[in-house]
Amino acid sequence: MLKLSRLTDYAAVVMAQIARHPDHPQAAAELAEAVQLPHPTVSKTLKMLVKAGLLESRRGAQGGYSLARPASRITASDIISAIEGPVAMTECSQAGGDCDLAATCGVADNWQRVSLAIRTLLDSVTLAHLADTSPIKLPVQLPIQSVSLAAEA
């Protein structure tokens, strides 16, 4: 089964909470209470998101965590990559991936297409979409046949 880690799920929940109140920096304890997650887990997640450049942290009485850029310019892919690393289906389908079978496996190009299609979809979903309580309208069919690989370009 393909699934995101709990920490990545929590990161999206925390980011969505911050996005719903963009003009109000929020402390880690405040966020933990709002999203009903343990404070240490929220703190760990916040540090990873700051390190990835998705959040800014300010100390002091008016301090807290806020988005580093508008929610409409932060993608689901950005959030996943901040916690999990690059989005890729297989080792060979990520930039700089190293696979001993790439020359002979016969499926590497197609896995790269699948990975690119997934990244394209995740890049089209913004934090603003995730923070909105209404359902996201996604394409019914992914245009995987129209995906071109760097080697073909």
N, C-alpha and C. Protein backbone atom coordinates (compact mmCIF):
# COMPACT_ATOMS: atom_id res chain seq x y z
N MET A 1 0.85 -1.18 0.00
CA MET A 1 0.00 0.00 0.00
C MET A 1 0.89 1.24 0.00
N LEU A 2 0.54 2.17 -0.85
CA LEU A 2 1.22 3.47 -0.84
C LEU A 2 0.48 4.38 0.13
N LYS A 3 1.20 4.90 1.07
CA LYS A 3 0.57 5.88 1.96
C LYS A 3 1.62 6.77 2.59
N LEU A 4 1.18 7.94 2.93
CA LEU A 4 2.06 8.90 3.58
C LEU A 4 2.25 8.51 5.04
N SER A 5 3.37 8.91 5.60
CA SER A 5 3.60 8.65 7.02
C SER A 5 2.66 9.52 7.84
N ARG A 6 2.47 9.13 9.08
CA ARG A 6 1.64 9.93 9.98
C ARG A 6 2.21 11.34 10.14
N LEU A 7 3.53 11.42 10.20
CA LEU A 7 4.15 12.73 10.38
C LEU A 7 3.83 13.66 9.20
N THR A 8 3.81 13.11 8.00
CA THR A 8 3.45 13.91 6.83
C THR A 8 1.99 14.33 6.90
N ASP A 9 1.13 13.42 7.30
CA ASP A 9 -0.29 13.74 7.48
C ASP A 9 -0.43 14.85 8.52
N TYR A 10 0.27 14.72 9.62
CA TYR A 10 0.22 15.75 10.67
C TYR A 10 0.74 17.09 10.16
N ALA A 11 1.78 17.05 9.34
CA ALA A 11 2.33 18.29 8.77
C ALA A 11 1.27 19.01 7.94
N ALA A 12 0.51 18.26 7.15
CA ALA A 12 -0.55 18.87 6.35
C ALA A 12 -1.64 19.45 7.25
N VAL A 13 -1.97 18.76 8.32
CA VAL A 13 -2.99 19.24 9.27
C VAL A 13 -2.52 20.54 9.93
N VAL A 14 -1.28 20.55 10.38
CA VAL A 14 -0.72 21.74 11.04
C VAL A 14 -0.63 22.91 10.05
N MET A 15 -0.14 22.63 8.85
CA MET A 15 -0.04 23.68 7.83
C MET A 15 -1.41 24.25 7.48
N ALA A 16 -2.42 23.39 7.38
CA ALA A 16 -3.77 23.85 7.07
C ALA A 16 -4.30 24.74 8.20
N GLN A 17 -4.01 24.37 9.43
CA GLN A 17 -4.45 25.18 10.58
C GLN A 17 -3.80 26.57 10.52
N ILE A 18 -2.53 26.62 10.20
CA ILE A 18 -1.84 27.91 10.08
C ILE A 18 -2.41 28.70 8.90
N ALA A 19 -2.69 28.03 7.80
CA ALA A 19 -3.21 28.69 6.61
C ALA A 19 -4.59 29.30 6.85
N ARG A 20 -5.37 28.72 7.73
CA ARG A 20 -6.71 29.25 8.03
C ARG A 20 -6.65 30.56 8.83
N HIS A 21 -5.49 30.84 9.41
CA HIS A 21 -5.30 32.07 10.20
C HIS A 21 -3.97 32.72 9.81
N PRO A 22 -3.84 33.15 8.55
CA PRO A 22 -2.54 33.60 8.04
C PRO A 22 -2.00 34.87 8.69
N ASP A 23 -2.86 35.67 9.28
CA ASP A 23 -2.39 36.92 9.89
C ASP A 23 -2.11 36.78 11.39
N HIS A 24 -2.18 35.58 11.88
CA HIS A 24 -2.01 35.34 13.32
C HIS A 24 -0.95 34.25 13.54
N PRO A 25 0.31 34.65 13.80
CA PRO A 25 1.34 33.63 14.09
C PRO A 25 0.89 32.78 15.28
N GLN A 26 1.11 31.48 15.20
CA GLN A 26 0.63 30.58 16.24
C GLN A 26 1.78 29.84 16.90
N ALA A 27 1.73 29.77 18.21
CA ALA A 27 2.74 29.04 18.98
C ALA A 27 2.52 27.54 18.84
N ALA A 28 3.58 26.78 19.05
CA ALA A 28 3.50 25.32 18.93
C ALA A 28 2.44 24.75 19.85
N ALA A 29 2.37 25.23 21.08
CA ALA A 29 1.38 24.72 22.04
C ALA A 29 -0.04 25.04 21.58
N GLU A 30 -0.23 26.22 21.04
CA GLU A 30 -1.54 26.63 20.52
C GLU A 30 -1.96 25.74 19.34
N LEU A 31 -1.01 25.48 18.46
CA LEU A 31 -1.29 24.61 17.31
C LEU A 31 -1.61 23.19 17.77
N ALA A 32 -0.83 22.67 18.70
CA ALA A 32 -1.05 21.31 19.20
C ALA A 32 -2.45 21.17 19.78
N GLU A 33 -2.86 22.16 20.53
CA GLU A 33 -4.21 22.13 21.11
C GLU A 33 -5.28 22.22 20.02
N ALA A 34 -5.08 23.11 19.06
CA ALA A 34 -6.07 23.31 18.00
C ALA A 34 -6.28 22.07 17.15
N VAL A 35 -5.20 21.33 16.87
CA VAL A 35 -5.31 20.16 15.99
C VAL A 35 -5.35 18.84 16.77
N GLN A 36 -5.31 18.94 18.10
CA GLN A 36 -5.41 17.76 18.97
C GLN A 36 -4.31 16.72 18.72
N LEU A 37 -3.07 17.23 18.63
CA LEU A 37 -1.91 16.36 18.49
C LEU A 37 -0.95 16.64 19.64
N PRO A 38 -0.11 15.66 20.00
CA PRO A 38 0.84 15.89 21.09
C PRO A 38 1.82 17.03 20.75
N HIS A 39 2.10 17.84 21.74
CA HIS A 39 2.99 18.98 21.56
C HIS A 39 4.35 18.58 20.98
N PRO A 40 5.02 17.50 21.48
CA PRO A 40 6.32 17.13 20.90
C PRO A 40 6.23 16.78 19.41
N THR A 41 5.16 16.16 19.00
CA THR A 41 4.97 15.80 17.60
C THR A 41 4.81 17.05 16.75
N VAL A 42 4.01 17.98 17.24
CA VAL A 42 3.80 19.24 16.51
C VAL A 42 5.11 20.02 16.44
N SER A 43 5.86 20.07 17.53
CA SER A 43 7.14 20.78 17.53
C SER A 43 8.12 20.18 16.53
N LYS A 44 8.21 18.86 16.48
CA LYS A 44 9.10 18.19 15.54
C LYS A 44 8.68 18.52 14.10
N THR A 45 7.40 18.46 13.84
CA THR A 45 6.87 18.75 12.51
C THR A 45 7.16 20.19 12.11
N LEU A 46 6.94 21.12 13.03
CA LEU A 46 7.18 22.53 12.75
C LEU A 46 8.65 22.79 12.40
N LYS A 47 9.56 22.16 13.13
CA LYS A 47 10.99 22.33 12.84
C LYS A 47 11.33 21.86 11.43
N MET A 48 10.75 20.75 11.01
CA MET A 48 11.00 20.21 9.67
C MET A 48 10.44 21.15 8.60
N LEU A 49 9.28 21.72 8.87
CA LEU A 49 8.64 22.62 7.91
C LEU A 49 9.39 23.96 7.82
N VAL A 50 9.95 24.42 8.94
CA VAL A 50 10.77 25.64 8.92
C VAL A 50 12.05 25.37 8.13
N LYS A 51 12.67 24.23 8.40
CA LYS A 51 13.91 23.86 7.70
C LYS A 51 13.69 23.78 6.18
N ALA A 52 12.51 23.33 5.77
CA ALA A 52 12.18 23.21 4.35
C ALA A 52 11.77 24.55 3.73
N GLY A 53 11.67 25.59 4.55
CA GLY A 53 11.32 26.91 4.04
C GLY A 53 9.83 27.13 3.82
N LEU A 54 8.99 26.28 4.41
CA LEU A 54 7.55 26.43 4.25
C LEU A 54 6.93 27.30 5.35
N LEU A 55 7.58 27.32 6.49
CA LEU A 55 7.12 28.14 7.62
C LEU A 55 8.24 29.07 8.07
N GLU A 56 7.83 30.14 8.72
CA GLU A 56 8.76 31.05 9.40
C GLU A 56 8.44 31.02 10.87
N SER A 57 9.48 31.17 11.68
CA SER A 57 9.32 31.16 13.12
C SER A 57 9.82 32.49 13.68
N ARG A 58 9.03 33.08 14.56
CA ARG A 58 9.43 34.32 15.24
C ARG A 58 9.32 34.11 16.73
N ARG A 59 10.32 34.57 17.44
CA ARG A 59 10.32 34.48 18.90
C ARG A 59 9.67 35.72 19.50
N GLY A 60 9.30 35.61 20.76
CA GLY A 60 8.80 36.76 21.48
C GLY A 60 7.29 36.74 21.67
N ALA A 61 6.81 37.80 22.30
CA ALA A 61 5.38 37.90 22.65
C ALA A 61 4.48 37.86 21.43
N GLN A 62 4.91 38.46 20.34
CA GLN A 62 4.12 38.45 19.10
C GLN A 62 4.59 37.35 18.15
N GLY A 63 5.36 36.42 18.68
CA GLY A 63 5.97 35.38 17.86
C GLY A 63 5.05 34.21 17.59
N GLY A 64 5.61 33.24 16.92
CA GLY A 64 4.88 32.03 16.56
C GLY A 64 5.26 31.60 15.16
N TYR A 65 4.50 30.69 14.64
CA TYR A 65 4.76 30.15 13.30
C TYR A 65 3.76 30.72 12.31
N SER A 66 4.28 31.07 11.14
CA SER A 66 3.42 31.56 10.06
C SER A 66 3.97 31.02 8.74
N LEU A 67 3.13 31.09 7.72
CA LEU A 67 3.52 30.60 6.40
C LEU A 67 4.64 31.45 5.83
N ALA A 68 5.58 30.82 5.16
CA ALA A 68 6.69 31.54 4.54
C ALA A 68 6.26 32.21 3.23
N ARG A 69 5.18 31.71 2.64
CA ARG A 69 4.60 32.30 1.43
C ARG A 69 3.10 32.00 1.45
N PRO A 70 2.33 32.62 0.60
CA PRO A 70 0.88 32.39 0.62
C PRO A 70 0.52 30.91 0.44
N ALA A 71 -0.58 30.50 1.05
CA ALA A 71 -1.03 29.11 0.97
C ALA A 71 -1.25 28.66 -0.47
N SER A 72 -1.59 29.58 -1.33
CA SER A 72 -1.82 29.26 -2.75
C SER A 72 -0.51 28.94 -3.48
N ARG A 73 0.62 29.23 -2.83
CA ARG A 73 1.93 28.97 -3.46
C ARG A 73 2.71 27.86 -2.74
N ILE A 74 2.04 27.14 -1.85
CA ILE A 74 2.63 25.97 -1.19
C ILE A 74 1.82 24.77 -1.67
N THR A 75 2.51 23.79 -2.20
CA THR A 75 1.81 22.63 -2.76
C THR A 75 1.85 21.42 -1.82
N ALA A 76 0.97 20.48 -2.10
CA ALA A 76 0.98 19.21 -1.37
C ALA A 76 2.34 18.55 -1.54
N SER A 77 2.90 18.66 -2.73
CA SER A 77 4.22 18.11 -3.00
C SER A 77 5.29 18.74 -2.10
N ASP A 78 5.20 20.04 -1.89
CA ASP A 78 6.14 20.74 -1.01
C ASP A 78 6.08 20.18 0.41
N ILE A 79 4.87 19.98 0.91
CA ILE A 79 4.68 19.48 2.27
C ILE A 79 5.21 18.05 2.39
N ILE A 80 4.85 17.21 1.43
CA ILE A 80 5.32 15.82 1.45
C ILE A 80 6.85 15.77 1.39
N SER A 81 7.43 16.54 0.48
CA SER A 81 8.89 16.54 0.33
C SER A 81 9.60 17.03 1.58
N ALA A 82 8.98 17.97 2.29
CA ALA A 82 9.59 18.50 3.52
C ALA A 82 9.74 17.42 4.59
N ILE A 83 8.83 16.48 4.61
CA ILE A 83 8.85 15.44 5.64
C ILE A 83 9.44 14.12 5.12
N GLU A 84 9.06 13.72 3.93
CA GLU A 84 9.43 12.41 3.40
C GLU A 84 10.65 12.42 2.47
N GLY A 85 10.94 13.58 1.89
CA GLY A 85 11.94 13.62 0.83
C GLY A 85 11.23 13.63 -0.51
N PRO A 86 11.98 13.49 -1.60
CA PRO A 86 11.39 13.60 -2.94
C PRO A 86 10.26 12.60 -3.18
N VAL A 87 9.25 13.05 -3.92
CA VAL A 87 8.13 12.18 -4.28
C VAL A 87 8.56 11.36 -5.50
N ALA A 88 8.65 10.05 -5.32
CA ALA A 88 9.03 9.15 -6.41
C ALA A 88 8.50 7.76 -6.10
N MET A 89 8.07 7.07 -7.13
CA MET A 89 7.53 5.72 -6.97
C MET A 89 8.65 4.69 -6.75
N THR A 90 9.76 4.87 -7.43
CA THR A 90 10.87 3.93 -7.34
C THR A 90 12.17 4.72 -7.25
N GLU A 91 13.24 4.04 -6.92
CA GLU A 91 14.55 4.69 -6.83
C GLU A 91 14.94 5.34 -8.14
N CYS A 92 14.66 4.67 -9.26
CA CYS A 92 15.08 5.19 -10.56
C CYS A 92 14.19 6.33 -11.05
N SER A 93 13.06 6.56 -10.39
CA SER A 93 12.16 7.60 -10.88
C SER A 93 12.35 8.93 -10.15
N GLN A 94 13.40 9.06 -9.38
CA GLN A 94 13.73 10.35 -8.77
C GLN A 94 15.05 10.85 -9.35
N ALA A 95 15.19 12.14 -9.37
CA ALA A 95 16.43 12.73 -9.90
C ALA A 95 17.62 12.20 -9.12
N GLY A 96 18.61 11.73 -9.84
CA GLY A 96 19.82 11.23 -9.19
C GLY A 96 19.63 9.87 -8.54
N GLY A 97 18.50 9.20 -8.83
CA GLY A 97 18.25 7.88 -8.27
C GLY A 97 19.27 6.87 -8.80
N ASP A 98 19.61 5.93 -7.97
CA ASP A 98 20.63 4.95 -8.34
C ASP A 98 20.01 3.56 -8.32
N CYS A 99 20.00 2.90 -9.48
CA CYS A 99 19.43 1.56 -9.57
C CYS A 99 20.30 0.71 -10.48
N ASP A 100 20.68 -0.45 -9.98
CA ASP A 100 21.52 -1.36 -10.74
C ASP A 100 20.78 -2.01 -11.92
N LEU A 101 19.46 -2.01 -11.87
CA LEU A 101 18.67 -2.68 -12.90
C LEU A 101 18.14 -1.75 -13.99
N ALA A 102 18.39 -0.46 -13.87
CA ALA A 102 17.79 0.52 -14.78
C ALA A 102 18.01 0.20 -16.26
N ALA A 103 19.17 -0.31 -16.62
CA ALA A 103 19.47 -0.59 -18.03
C ALA A 103 18.75 -1.83 -18.56
N THR A 104 18.34 -2.72 -17.67
CA THR A 104 17.76 -3.99 -18.12
C THR A 104 16.35 -4.28 -17.64
N CYS A 105 15.81 -3.47 -16.77
CA CYS A 105 14.51 -3.82 -16.16
C CYS A 105 13.34 -3.69 -17.12
N GLY A 106 13.39 -2.73 -18.03
CA GLY A 106 12.31 -2.56 -18.99
C GLY A 106 11.10 -1.81 -18.48
N VAL A 107 11.08 -1.40 -17.22
CA VAL A 107 9.93 -0.66 -16.69
C VAL A 107 10.30 0.73 -16.16
N ALA A 108 11.56 1.07 -16.18
CA ALA A 108 12.00 2.34 -15.60
C ALA A 108 11.32 3.54 -16.23
N ASP A 109 11.22 3.57 -17.57
CA ASP A 109 10.58 4.72 -18.23
C ASP A 109 9.13 4.87 -17.78
N ASN A 110 8.42 3.76 -17.68
CA ASN A 110 7.01 3.84 -17.27
C ASN A 110 6.86 4.24 -15.81
N TRP A 111 7.75 3.75 -14.94
CA TRP A 111 7.71 4.19 -13.54
C TRP A 111 8.00 5.69 -13.45
N GLN A 112 8.91 6.16 -14.28
CA GLN A 112 9.20 7.60 -14.29
C GLN A 112 7.97 8.39 -14.72
N ARG A 113 7.22 7.88 -15.70
CA ARG A 113 5.98 8.54 -16.13
C ARG A 113 4.95 8.57 -14.99
N VAL A 114 4.81 7.45 -14.30
CA VAL A 114 3.87 7.39 -13.18
C VAL A 114 4.28 8.37 -12.09
N SER A 115 5.56 8.39 -11.75
CA SER A 115 6.06 9.32 -10.72
C SER A 115 5.83 10.76 -11.13
N LEU A 116 6.10 11.07 -12.39
CA LEU A 116 5.90 12.44 -12.87
C LEU A 116 4.42 12.82 -12.84
N ALA A 117 3.55 11.90 -13.20
CA ALA A 117 2.10 12.17 -13.16
C ALA A 117 1.65 12.44 -11.72
N ILE A 118 2.15 11.65 -10.78
CA ILE A 118 1.79 11.84 -9.37
C ILE A 118 2.32 13.18 -8.86
N ARG A 119 3.58 13.49 -9.19
CA ARG A 119 4.15 14.79 -8.78
C ARG A 119 3.36 15.94 -9.39
N THR A 120 2.96 15.80 -10.66
CA THR A 120 2.18 16.84 -11.32
C THR A 120 0.86 17.06 -10.60
N LEU A 121 0.19 15.97 -10.24
CA LEU A 121 -1.06 16.08 -9.51
C LEU A 121 -0.83 16.74 -8.15
N LEU A 122 0.19 16.29 -7.41
CA LEU A 122 0.46 16.85 -6.08
C LEU A 122 0.89 18.32 -6.18
N ASP A 123 1.55 18.69 -7.28
CA ASP A 123 1.92 20.09 -7.49
C ASP A 123 0.71 20.95 -7.78
N SER A 124 -0.38 20.35 -8.25
CA SER A 124 -1.59 21.12 -8.58
C SER A 124 -2.49 21.33 -7.37
N VAL A 125 -2.23 20.61 -6.28
CA VAL A 125 -3.01 20.76 -5.06
C VAL A 125 -2.24 21.68 -4.12
N THR A 126 -2.85 22.79 -3.78
CA THR A 126 -2.17 23.76 -2.91
C THR A 126 -2.62 23.62 -1.47
N LEU A 127 -1.87 24.24 -0.59
CA LEU A 127 -2.25 24.30 0.81
C LEU A 127 -3.59 25.00 0.96
N ALA A 128 -3.86 25.99 0.12
CA ALA A 128 -5.16 26.66 0.16
C ALA A 128 -6.28 25.66 -0.11
N HIS A 129 -6.07 24.75 -1.07
CA HIS A 129 -7.06 23.69 -1.33
C HIS A 129 -7.23 22.80 -0.10
N LEU A 130 -6.11 22.37 0.48
CA LEU A 130 -6.17 21.47 1.62
C LEU A 130 -6.84 22.12 2.82
N ALA A 131 -6.61 23.39 3.01
CA ALA A 131 -7.17 24.10 4.18
C ALA A 131 -8.65 24.39 4.02
N ASP A 132 -9.14 24.38 2.79
CA ASP A 132 -10.56 24.62 2.53
C ASP A 132 -11.34 23.37 2.90
N THR A 133 -12.50 23.55 3.52
CA THR A 133 -13.28 22.39 3.95
C THR A 133 -14.13 21.79 2.83
N SER A 134 -14.23 22.48 1.70
CA SER A 134 -15.00 21.92 0.59
C SER A 134 -14.12 20.94 -0.20
N PRO A 135 -14.73 19.96 -0.84
CA PRO A 135 -13.95 18.95 -1.57
C PRO A 135 -13.14 19.55 -2.72
N ILE A 136 -11.95 19.02 -2.92
CA ILE A 136 -11.09 19.44 -4.02
C ILE A 136 -11.61 18.82 -5.30
N LYS A 137 -11.66 19.61 -6.35
CA LYS A 137 -12.05 19.08 -7.66
C LYS A 137 -10.79 18.67 -8.40
N LEU A 138 -10.61 17.36 -8.56
CA LEU A 138 -9.44 16.81 -9.23
C LEU A 138 -9.82 16.30 -10.61
N PRO A 139 -8.86 16.21 -11.52
CA PRO A 139 -9.17 15.63 -12.84
C PRO A 139 -9.56 14.17 -12.69
N VAL A 140 -10.53 13.75 -13.48
CA VAL A 140 -10.99 12.37 -13.42
C VAL A 140 -9.92 11.42 -13.96
N GLN A 141 -9.23 11.85 -15.01
CA GLN A 141 -8.21 11.00 -15.62
C GLN A 141 -6.91 11.78 -15.71
N LEU A 142 -5.83 11.17 -15.26
CA LEU A 142 -4.53 11.81 -15.37
C LEU A 142 -4.01 11.68 -16.79
N PRO A 143 -3.46 12.73 -17.33
CA PRO A 143 -2.95 12.67 -18.71
C PRO A 143 -1.56 12.03 -18.77
N ILE A 144 -1.45 10.77 -18.35
CA ILE A 144 -0.15 10.12 -18.26
C ILE A 144 0.49 9.94 -19.64
N GLN A 145 -0.32 9.79 -20.69
CA GLN A 145 0.25 9.63 -22.03
C GLN A 145 0.91 10.91 -22.50
N SER A 146 0.48 12.04 -21.98
CA SER A 146 1.08 13.30 -22.42
C SER A 146 2.31 13.70 -21.60
N VAL A 147 2.66 12.89 -20.61
CA VAL A 147 3.84 13.18 -19.79
C VAL A 147 5.08 12.89 -20.62
N SER A 148 5.95 13.90 -20.73
CA SER A 148 7.20 13.66 -21.45
C SER A 148 8.35 13.64 -20.47
N LEU A 149 9.24 12.71 -20.66
CA LEU A 149 10.40 12.58 -19.80
C LEU A 149 11.53 13.46 -20.30
N ALA A 150 12.41 13.83 -19.42
CA ALA A 150 13.54 14.70 -19.79
C ALA A 150 14.36 14.08 -20.91
N ALA A 151 14.51 12.77 -20.92
CA ALA A 151 15.30 12.08 -21.95
C ALA A 151 14.65 12.19 -23.34
N GLU A 152 13.32 12.36 -23.37
CA GLU A 152 12.60 12.46 -24.64
C GLU A 152 12.58 13.89 -25.18
N ALA A 153 12.72 14.84 -24.30
CA ALA A 153 12.58 16.24 -24.67
C ALA A 153 13.70 16.73 -25.55
